[in-house]
Amino acid sequence: MNNPSSQAKLFDGRDIFYFDDAGSALPAIRHKDNRETDNRPETAELRHDVLTGDWITVASHRQKRAFLPPAHSCPLCPTSATNLSEVPDNFDVAVFENKGPAFGPDLGLISNADPTSPFGFATSSYGRCEVVVFSPEHEGSLGSMPVARIETVIQAWRSRTAEIQKLDGVVQVFPFENRGQDIGVTLHHPHGQIYAYPFVTPTTKKLLTQIENHGGDFFKELVEFESGSDRVVVETENFIVFVPYAARWPIEIHLLPKHSIKDFTELRDEEVSELASLYKNILTGLDALYDKPIPYISAWHQAPLVEGRDKIRLMLQITSPLRDADKLKYLAGSESAMGAFVGDVAPEETAARLREVIK
């Protein structure tokens, strides 16, 4: 497991970790954060939704977070004389605790709602939220970076997943990237996030139900089913990339390991290198679809630490609402209110277009 090259504390006590590229000339000791000492916001409230059984975080302090600041005041660029940012020194990849987290900073086990009187139940939104900055450069995207940098990012996900999973009350760790204003990003600088939840997420619970109903080796059979289809986009020794049979989004890509891997911590070193190269091909291929940056959500699903851990594999799901060069799919009544999706493009057609640009 690759440990950070250096770590320190920010002005309000948050952790920051530096992950250097192989052969990087950056120093082991980094400049300290010279901003005036301050306190962190209180941990948000977690409310129980009696209609669905889901947990909803109410984090009002997030209204104050930065919103599309100009480059000269970007909080993710390395600190300069005129911009005291979140990263006090130069870096290759930096990971730090989110200033306005939806989960945390307090840690602990959440209370369960009383089934005899569930209305109005709330508890603390324990957990942790981290920001992963892919580059010191303000412009660009992860897909435009060298494979070596993408490997560093994967090593950061790997290391932070291992450490975050040890924290009290953390049940599931979710690395992801929101890319593009059409997705709703609030910072242009290339970055992603890691959320550590104090509960198993609704999406994972649905998956566990499907696995339980199916029986057998669910993911082994899924890989076999998709590998023989015309929805396969690209395949390597240890991974398969495909458009799912029942894709919801105009652009939707799934990646699965061919053998059982629960999360990033179980990747072998050679698989990290293979995955970095494959991930770059996917991201650059996406941007080649319309010869412009594609808005997307890149979601790395990892097995929870509790129920069903041995049944779930690490899985990447990339989705984009772009249904044509200048058209977005909006979630209207059926999708938003009822969760009943209508596909705009046949998955087989999307796969054929992706194969062409990725090869």
Protein backbone atom coordinates (compact mmCIF):
# COMPACT_ATOMS: atom_id res chain seq x y z
CA MET A 1 0.00 0.00 0.00
CA ASN A 2 1.47 3.36 -1.02
CA ASN A 3 1.61 5.81 1.89
CA PRO A 4 1.53 9.59 1.32
CA SER A 5 4.90 11.21 0.65
CA SER A 6 4.12 13.84 3.27
CA GLN A 7 1.26 14.91 5.51
CA ALA A 8 0.47 17.94 7.67
CA LYS A 9 -2.30 19.97 9.30
CA LEU A 10 -4.16 22.92 7.80
CA PHE A 11 -5.03 26.15 9.63
CA ASP A 12 -8.16 24.70 11.23
CA GLY A 13 -6.76 21.30 12.14
CA ARG A 14 -7.77 19.42 8.99
CA ASP A 15 -5.45 16.76 7.56
CA ILE A 16 -3.65 17.18 4.25
CA PHE A 17 -1.73 14.44 2.44
CA TYR A 18 0.70 14.76 -0.48
CA PHE A 19 1.12 11.93 -2.99
CA ASP A 20 4.09 12.38 -5.31
CA ASP A 21 4.58 10.93 -8.78
CA ALA A 22 7.23 8.24 -9.20
CA GLY A 23 10.57 10.03 -9.50
CA SER A 24 9.14 13.36 -8.33
CA ALA A 25 11.67 15.97 -7.21
CA LEU A 26 9.30 17.56 -4.71
CA PRO A 27 10.62 17.83 -1.11
CA ALA A 28 9.39 15.52 1.65
CA ILE A 29 8.77 18.47 3.98
CA ARG A 30 6.18 20.99 2.75
CA HIS A 31 5.44 24.57 3.79
CA LYS A 32 2.98 24.93 6.64
CA ASP A 33 -0.40 26.62 6.29
CA ASN A 34 0.07 30.28 7.29
CA ARG A 35 -3.61 31.22 7.37
CA GLU A 36 -5.00 32.47 10.68
CA THR A 37 -6.12 29.64 12.98
CA ASP A 38 -9.86 28.98 12.86
CA ASN A 39 -12.49 26.46 13.98
CA ARG A 40 -14.22 23.91 11.80
CA PRO A 41 -18.01 23.91 11.32
CA GLU A 42 -20.07 21.62 13.50
CA THR A 43 -20.97 18.19 12.18
CA ALA A 44 -24.12 18.31 10.06
CA GLU A 45 -27.45 16.70 10.94
CA LEU A 46 -28.56 13.35 9.54
CA ARG A 47 -32.33 12.99 9.17
CA HIS A 48 -34.28 9.80 8.58
CA ASP A 49 -36.73 9.77 5.64
CA VAL A 50 -39.71 7.66 6.70
CA LEU A 51 -40.95 7.35 3.09
CA THR A 52 -37.84 5.52 1.86
CA GLY A 53 -35.77 4.62 4.91
CA ASP A 54 -32.92 6.72 3.49
CA TRP A 55 -30.65 9.07 5.41
CA ILE A 56 -30.62 12.75 4.34
CA THR A 57 -27.81 15.08 5.41
CA VAL A 58 -28.73 18.66 6.28
CA ALA A 59 -25.49 20.66 6.05
CA SER A 60 -26.39 24.36 5.93
CA HIS A 61 -22.75 25.46 6.26
CA ARG A 62 -22.14 24.20 2.71
CA GLN A 63 -24.03 27.22 1.35
CA LYS A 64 -20.89 29.25 2.07
CA ARG A 65 -18.51 27.14 -0.05
CA ALA A 66 -16.62 28.68 -2.97
CA PHE A 67 -18.57 28.91 -6.23
CA LEU A 68 -16.62 29.05 -9.52
CA PRO A 69 -13.93 31.50 -8.32
CA PRO A 70 -11.54 33.03 -10.89
CA ALA A 71 -8.21 31.30 -11.45
CA HIS A 72 -6.23 33.85 -9.43
CA SER A 73 -8.18 32.95 -6.27
CA CYS A 74 -8.68 29.22 -6.83
CA PRO A 75 -8.58 27.35 -3.49
CA LEU A 76 -7.09 24.23 -5.13
CA CYS A 77 -4.03 25.84 -6.75
CA PRO A 78 -0.77 25.80 -4.75
CA THR A 79 -0.55 28.70 -2.30
CA SER A 80 1.12 31.85 -3.64
CA ALA A 81 1.87 35.30 -2.20
CA THR A 82 -1.50 36.56 -3.46
CA ASN A 83 -3.60 33.42 -2.98
CA LEU A 84 -3.53 31.58 0.37
CA SER A 85 -5.22 28.43 -0.86
CA GLU A 86 -6.16 25.10 0.68
CA VAL A 87 -2.82 23.61 -0.43
CA PRO A 88 0.10 25.36 1.30
CA ASP A 89 2.86 24.14 -1.05
CA ASN A 90 3.48 22.74 -4.51
CA PHE A 91 2.33 19.16 -5.16
CA ASP A 92 1.65 16.42 -7.68
CA VAL A 93 -1.54 15.08 -6.04
CA ALA A 94 -2.95 16.50 -2.80
CA VAL A 95 -5.73 15.13 -0.59
CA PHE A 96 -7.24 17.12 2.26
CA GLU A 97 -10.31 17.12 4.46
CA ASN A 98 -13.17 19.14 2.99
CA LYS A 99 -13.63 22.56 4.60
CA GLY A 100 -17.45 22.23 4.49
CA PRO A 101 -18.15 18.50 4.74
CA ALA A 102 -21.51 16.78 4.38
CA PHE A 103 -20.20 14.04 6.70
CA GLY A 104 -17.97 14.72 9.71
CA PRO A 105 -15.67 15.99 11.05
CA ASP A 106 -16.99 14.11 14.10
CA LEU A 107 -16.80 10.34 13.95
CA GLY A 108 -18.99 7.71 15.56
CA LEU A 109 -21.80 5.23 15.13
CA ILE A 110 -25.13 6.73 14.05
CA SER A 111 -28.25 5.87 15.99
CA ASN A 112 -31.03 3.90 14.34
CA ALA A 113 -34.52 5.34 14.08
CA ASP A 114 -37.07 3.90 16.50
CA PRO A 115 -39.34 1.75 14.29
CA THR A 116 -42.28 2.38 16.63
CA SER A 117 -41.89 6.17 16.35
CA PRO A 118 -39.76 6.99 13.28
CA PHE A 119 -41.15 10.45 12.47
CA GLY A 120 -38.80 13.37 13.09
CA PHE A 121 -35.76 11.22 13.90
CA ALA A 122 -32.31 12.80 13.49
CA THR A 123 -28.74 12.03 14.50
CA SER A 124 -25.25 13.36 13.77
CA SER A 125 -23.92 13.10 10.21
CA TYR A 126 -20.74 11.32 11.21
CA GLY A 127 -18.09 10.38 8.65
CA ARG A 128 -15.49 12.13 6.55
CA CYS A 129 -15.23 14.07 3.29
CA GLU A 130 -11.95 14.63 1.46
CA VAL A 131 -10.93 16.54 -1.67
CA VAL A 132 -8.49 14.91 -4.12
CA VAL A 133 -6.64 17.48 -6.26
CA PHE A 134 -5.29 15.83 -9.40
CA SER A 135 -2.73 18.44 -10.40
CA PRO A 136 -1.25 21.81 -9.37
CA GLU A 137 -2.27 23.12 -12.81
CA HIS A 138 -5.57 25.02 -12.84
CA GLU A 139 -6.47 24.01 -16.39
CA GLY A 140 -6.88 20.55 -17.84
CA SER A 141 -8.56 17.32 -16.77
CA LEU A 142 -7.56 13.96 -15.38
CA GLY A 143 -7.85 12.33 -18.80
CA SER A 144 -5.38 14.81 -20.30
CA MET A 145 -2.70 13.96 -17.73
CA PRO A 146 0.10 11.38 -18.18
CA VAL A 147 -0.64 7.79 -17.21
CA ALA A 148 1.93 8.17 -14.41
CA ARG A 149 -0.16 10.95 -12.83
CA ILE A 150 -3.35 8.90 -13.11
CA GLU A 151 -1.50 6.07 -11.39
CA THR A 152 -0.59 8.47 -8.57
CA VAL A 153 -4.27 9.40 -8.23
CA ILE A 154 -5.26 5.72 -8.04
CA GLN A 155 -2.55 5.15 -5.43
CA ALA A 156 -4.03 8.05 -3.45
CA TRP A 157 -7.52 6.49 -3.64
CA ARG A 158 -6.00 3.18 -2.59
CA SER A 159 -4.13 4.64 0.39
CA ARG A 160 -6.95 6.85 1.60
CA THR A 161 -9.53 4.05 1.28
CA ALA A 162 -7.35 1.85 3.50
CA GLU A 163 -6.95 4.55 6.16
CA ILE A 164 -10.49 5.92 6.08
CA GLN A 165 -11.93 2.42 6.49
CA LYS A 166 -10.20 2.27 9.89
CA LEU A 167 -12.08 5.34 11.20
CA ASP A 168 -14.75 4.86 13.84
CA GLY A 169 -18.23 4.47 12.36
CA VAL A 170 -17.23 4.53 8.68
CA VAL A 171 -19.29 1.96 6.75
CA GLN A 172 -18.61 2.73 3.07
CA VAL A 173 -15.93 4.74 1.19
CA PHE A 174 -16.80 6.36 -2.14
CA PRO A 175 -14.20 8.06 -4.41
CA PHE A 176 -15.75 10.08 -7.25
CA GLU A 177 -15.30 12.96 -9.67
CA ASN A 178 -17.88 15.49 -10.83
CA ARG A 179 -16.65 17.09 -14.04
CA GLY A 180 -18.16 20.09 -15.85
CA GLN A 181 -20.57 22.88 -14.99
CA ASP A 182 -23.44 20.89 -16.53
CA ILE A 183 -22.88 18.37 -13.73
CA GLY A 184 -22.82 21.13 -11.11
CA VAL A 185 -19.16 21.54 -10.19
CA THR A 186 -18.32 24.60 -8.10
CA LEU A 187 -14.55 24.60 -8.80
CA HIS A 188 -12.94 24.40 -12.24
CA HIS A 189 -9.60 23.03 -11.01
CA PRO A 190 -9.24 19.28 -11.82
CA HIS A 191 -10.25 17.43 -8.67
CA GLY A 192 -12.42 14.73 -7.19
CA GLN A 193 -13.72 13.79 -3.77
CA ILE A 194 -13.93 10.91 -1.31
CA TYR A 195 -17.02 10.49 0.88
CA ALA A 196 -17.00 8.16 3.87
CA TYR A 197 -20.55 7.28 4.93
CA PRO A 198 -21.80 6.11 8.34
CA PHE A 199 -24.38 3.89 6.58
CA VAL A 200 -24.69 1.66 3.54
CA THR A 201 -25.84 3.91 0.68
CA PRO A 202 -29.26 3.39 -0.97
CA THR A 203 -27.65 2.42 -4.30
CA THR A 204 -25.56 -0.28 -2.64
CA LYS A 205 -28.58 -1.55 -0.69
CA LYS A 206 -30.50 -1.97 -3.95
CA LEU A 207 -27.57 -3.84 -5.45
CA LEU A 208 -27.35 -6.15 -2.43
CA THR A 209 -31.05 -6.94 -2.80
CA GLN A 210 -30.55 -7.81 -6.47
CA ILE A 211 -27.58 -10.02 -5.62
CA GLU A 212 -29.56 -11.78 -2.89
CA ASN A 213 -32.54 -12.35 -5.19
CA HIS A 214 -30.29 -13.66 -7.95
CA GLY A 215 -28.19 -16.08 -5.92
CA GLY A 216 -25.02 -17.61 -7.32
CA ASP A 217 -21.85 -15.67 -8.15
CA PHE A 218 -23.55 -12.48 -9.35
CA PHE A 219 -20.55 -10.50 -10.61
CA LYS A 220 -18.82 -13.50 -12.20
CA GLU A 221 -21.99 -14.13 -14.20
CA LEU A 222 -22.37 -10.43 -15.03
CA VAL A 223 -18.83 -10.30 -16.45
CA GLU A 224 -19.52 -13.43 -18.50
CA PHE A 225 -22.81 -12.00 -19.81
CA GLU A 226 -21.37 -8.65 -20.87
CA SER A 227 -18.09 -10.04 -22.25
CA GLY A 228 -19.97 -11.89 -24.94
CA SER A 229 -22.03 -8.88 -26.02
CA ASP A 230 -21.66 -6.09 -28.56
CA ARG A 231 -21.72 -3.62 -25.68
CA VAL A 232 -18.07 -4.28 -24.77
CA VAL A 233 -16.00 -1.14 -25.32
CA VAL A 234 -12.52 -2.40 -24.40
CA GLU A 235 -11.06 -5.36 -22.56
CA THR A 236 -7.66 -5.90 -20.92
CA GLU A 237 -6.09 -8.80 -19.05
CA ASN A 238 -7.78 -7.96 -15.74
CA PHE A 239 -10.62 -5.56 -16.58
CA ILE A 240 -13.63 -5.27 -18.85
CA VAL A 241 -15.32 -2.00 -19.91
CA PHE A 242 -18.85 -2.04 -21.31
CA VAL A 243 -22.07 -0.11 -21.75
CA PRO A 244 -24.62 -1.84 -19.48
CA TYR A 245 -27.55 -3.72 -20.99
CA ALA A 246 -30.10 -1.39 -19.36
CA ALA A 247 -28.19 1.91 -19.43
CA ARG A 248 -30.13 4.86 -18.03
CA TRP A 249 -27.97 7.67 -19.41
CA PRO A 250 -27.10 8.65 -23.01
CA ILE A 251 -23.46 7.97 -22.13
CA GLU A 252 -22.93 5.28 -19.50
CA ILE A 253 -19.81 3.16 -19.05
CA HIS A 254 -19.14 0.45 -16.49
CA LEU A 255 -15.76 -1.08 -15.63
CA LEU A 256 -15.35 -4.31 -13.67
CA PRO A 257 -12.34 -6.38 -12.63
CA LYS A 258 -12.46 -9.92 -14.00
CA HIS A 259 -11.79 -11.41 -10.58
CA SER A 260 -13.19 -10.53 -7.18
CA ILE A 261 -11.78 -7.25 -5.85
CA LYS A 262 -13.79 -5.56 -3.10
CA ASP A 263 -12.13 -2.15 -3.23
CA PHE A 264 -8.96 -0.27 -4.20
CA THR A 265 -7.02 -1.83 -1.30
CA GLU A 266 -7.17 -5.25 -2.99
CA LEU A 267 -5.65 -4.12 -6.30
CA ARG A 268 -2.25 -5.63 -7.04
CA ASP A 269 0.51 -3.20 -8.03
CA GLU A 270 0.50 -4.39 -11.64
CA GLU A 271 -3.30 -3.93 -11.74
CA VAL A 272 -2.91 -0.32 -10.61
CA SER A 273 -0.68 0.37 -13.62
CA GLU A 274 -3.04 -1.48 -15.97
CA LEU A 275 -6.05 0.39 -14.58
CA ALA A 276 -4.33 3.79 -14.92
CA SER A 277 -3.67 3.24 -18.62
CA LEU A 278 -7.19 1.92 -19.20
CA TYR A 279 -8.80 4.81 -17.30
CA LYS A 280 -6.89 7.35 -19.40
CA ASN A 281 -8.12 5.65 -22.59
CA ILE A 282 -11.71 5.83 -21.36
CA LEU A 283 -11.55 9.50 -20.35
CA THR A 284 -9.80 10.66 -23.52
CA GLY A 285 -12.23 8.59 -25.59
CA LEU A 286 -15.18 10.32 -23.95
CA ASP A 287 -13.85 13.74 -24.93
CA ALA A 288 -13.33 12.51 -28.49
CA LEU A 289 -17.04 11.71 -28.90
CA TYR A 290 -17.92 15.34 -29.63
CA ASP A 291 -14.41 16.85 -29.79
CA LYS A 292 -14.99 18.73 -26.55
CA PRO A 293 -14.85 18.11 -22.79
CA ILE A 294 -17.73 15.85 -21.74
CA PRO A 295 -19.58 16.54 -18.48
CA TYR A 296 -19.61 13.38 -16.40
CA ILE A 297 -19.80 11.76 -12.99
CA SER A 298 -17.11 9.13 -12.46
CA ALA A 299 -18.18 6.95 -9.54
CA TRP A 300 -15.99 4.25 -7.99
CA HIS A 301 -18.32 1.88 -6.14
CA GLN A 302 -16.57 -0.05 -3.37
CA ALA A 303 -17.89 -2.81 -1.12
CA PRO A 304 -19.20 -1.64 2.27
CA LEU A 305 -17.46 -2.79 5.42
CA VAL A 306 -20.54 -4.52 6.81
CA GLU A 307 -23.41 -6.35 5.13
CA GLY A 308 -22.64 -8.08 1.84
CA ARG A 309 -18.95 -7.09 1.67
CA ASP A 310 -17.91 -10.41 0.13
CA LYS A 311 -20.62 -10.18 -2.55
CA ILE A 312 -19.67 -6.84 -4.16
CA ARG A 313 -16.80 -5.96 -6.51
CA LEU A 314 -15.04 -2.69 -7.09
CA MET A 315 -16.94 -1.09 -9.99
CA LEU A 316 -16.53 2.11 -11.95
CA GLN A 317 -19.65 3.74 -13.35
CA ILE A 318 -19.25 6.83 -15.57
CA THR A 319 -22.44 8.62 -16.57
CA SER A 320 -23.02 11.72 -18.65
CA PRO A 321 -26.29 13.55 -19.42
CA LEU A 322 -24.99 14.60 -22.86
CA ARG A 323 -27.34 13.05 -25.44
CA ASP A 324 -25.96 15.01 -28.40
CA ALA A 325 -23.22 17.55 -28.99
CA ASP A 326 -25.39 20.42 -27.73
CA LYS A 327 -28.22 18.60 -25.91
CA LEU A 328 -28.52 17.45 -22.31
CA LYS A 329 -30.82 14.84 -20.85
CA TYR A 330 -32.75 16.38 -17.96
CA LEU A 331 -34.44 14.22 -15.37
CA ALA A 332 -38.09 15.09 -15.91
CA GLY A 333 -41.19 13.76 -14.17
CA SER A 334 -40.82 10.02 -14.73
CA GLU A 335 -37.12 9.89 -13.87
CA SER A 336 -37.03 12.40 -11.01
CA ALA A 337 -40.32 11.63 -9.31
CA MET A 338 -40.73 7.91 -9.96
CA GLY A 339 -37.22 6.67 -10.74
CA ALA A 340 -38.50 5.18 -14.01
CA PHE A 341 -35.91 6.03 -16.67
CA VAL A 342 -36.42 6.33 -20.40
CA GLY A 343 -33.28 5.68 -22.45
CA ASP A 344 -32.54 8.15 -25.26
CA VAL A 345 -29.87 6.06 -27.00
CA ALA A 346 -29.57 2.28 -27.45
CA PRO A 347 -26.66 0.94 -25.32
CA GLU A 348 -25.32 -1.01 -28.30
CA GLU A 349 -25.11 2.21 -30.35
CA THR A 350 -23.26 4.02 -27.57
CA ALA A 351 -20.83 1.12 -27.23
CA ALA A 352 -20.07 1.12 -30.97
CA ARG A 353 -19.28 4.86 -30.92
CA LEU A 354 -17.08 4.49 -27.84
CA ARG A 355 -15.16 1.57 -29.36
CA GLU A 356 -14.38 3.72 -32.37
CA VAL A 357 -13.00 6.68 -30.43
CA ILE A 358 -11.18 4.66 -27.76
CA LYS A 359 -9.31 2.40 -30.16
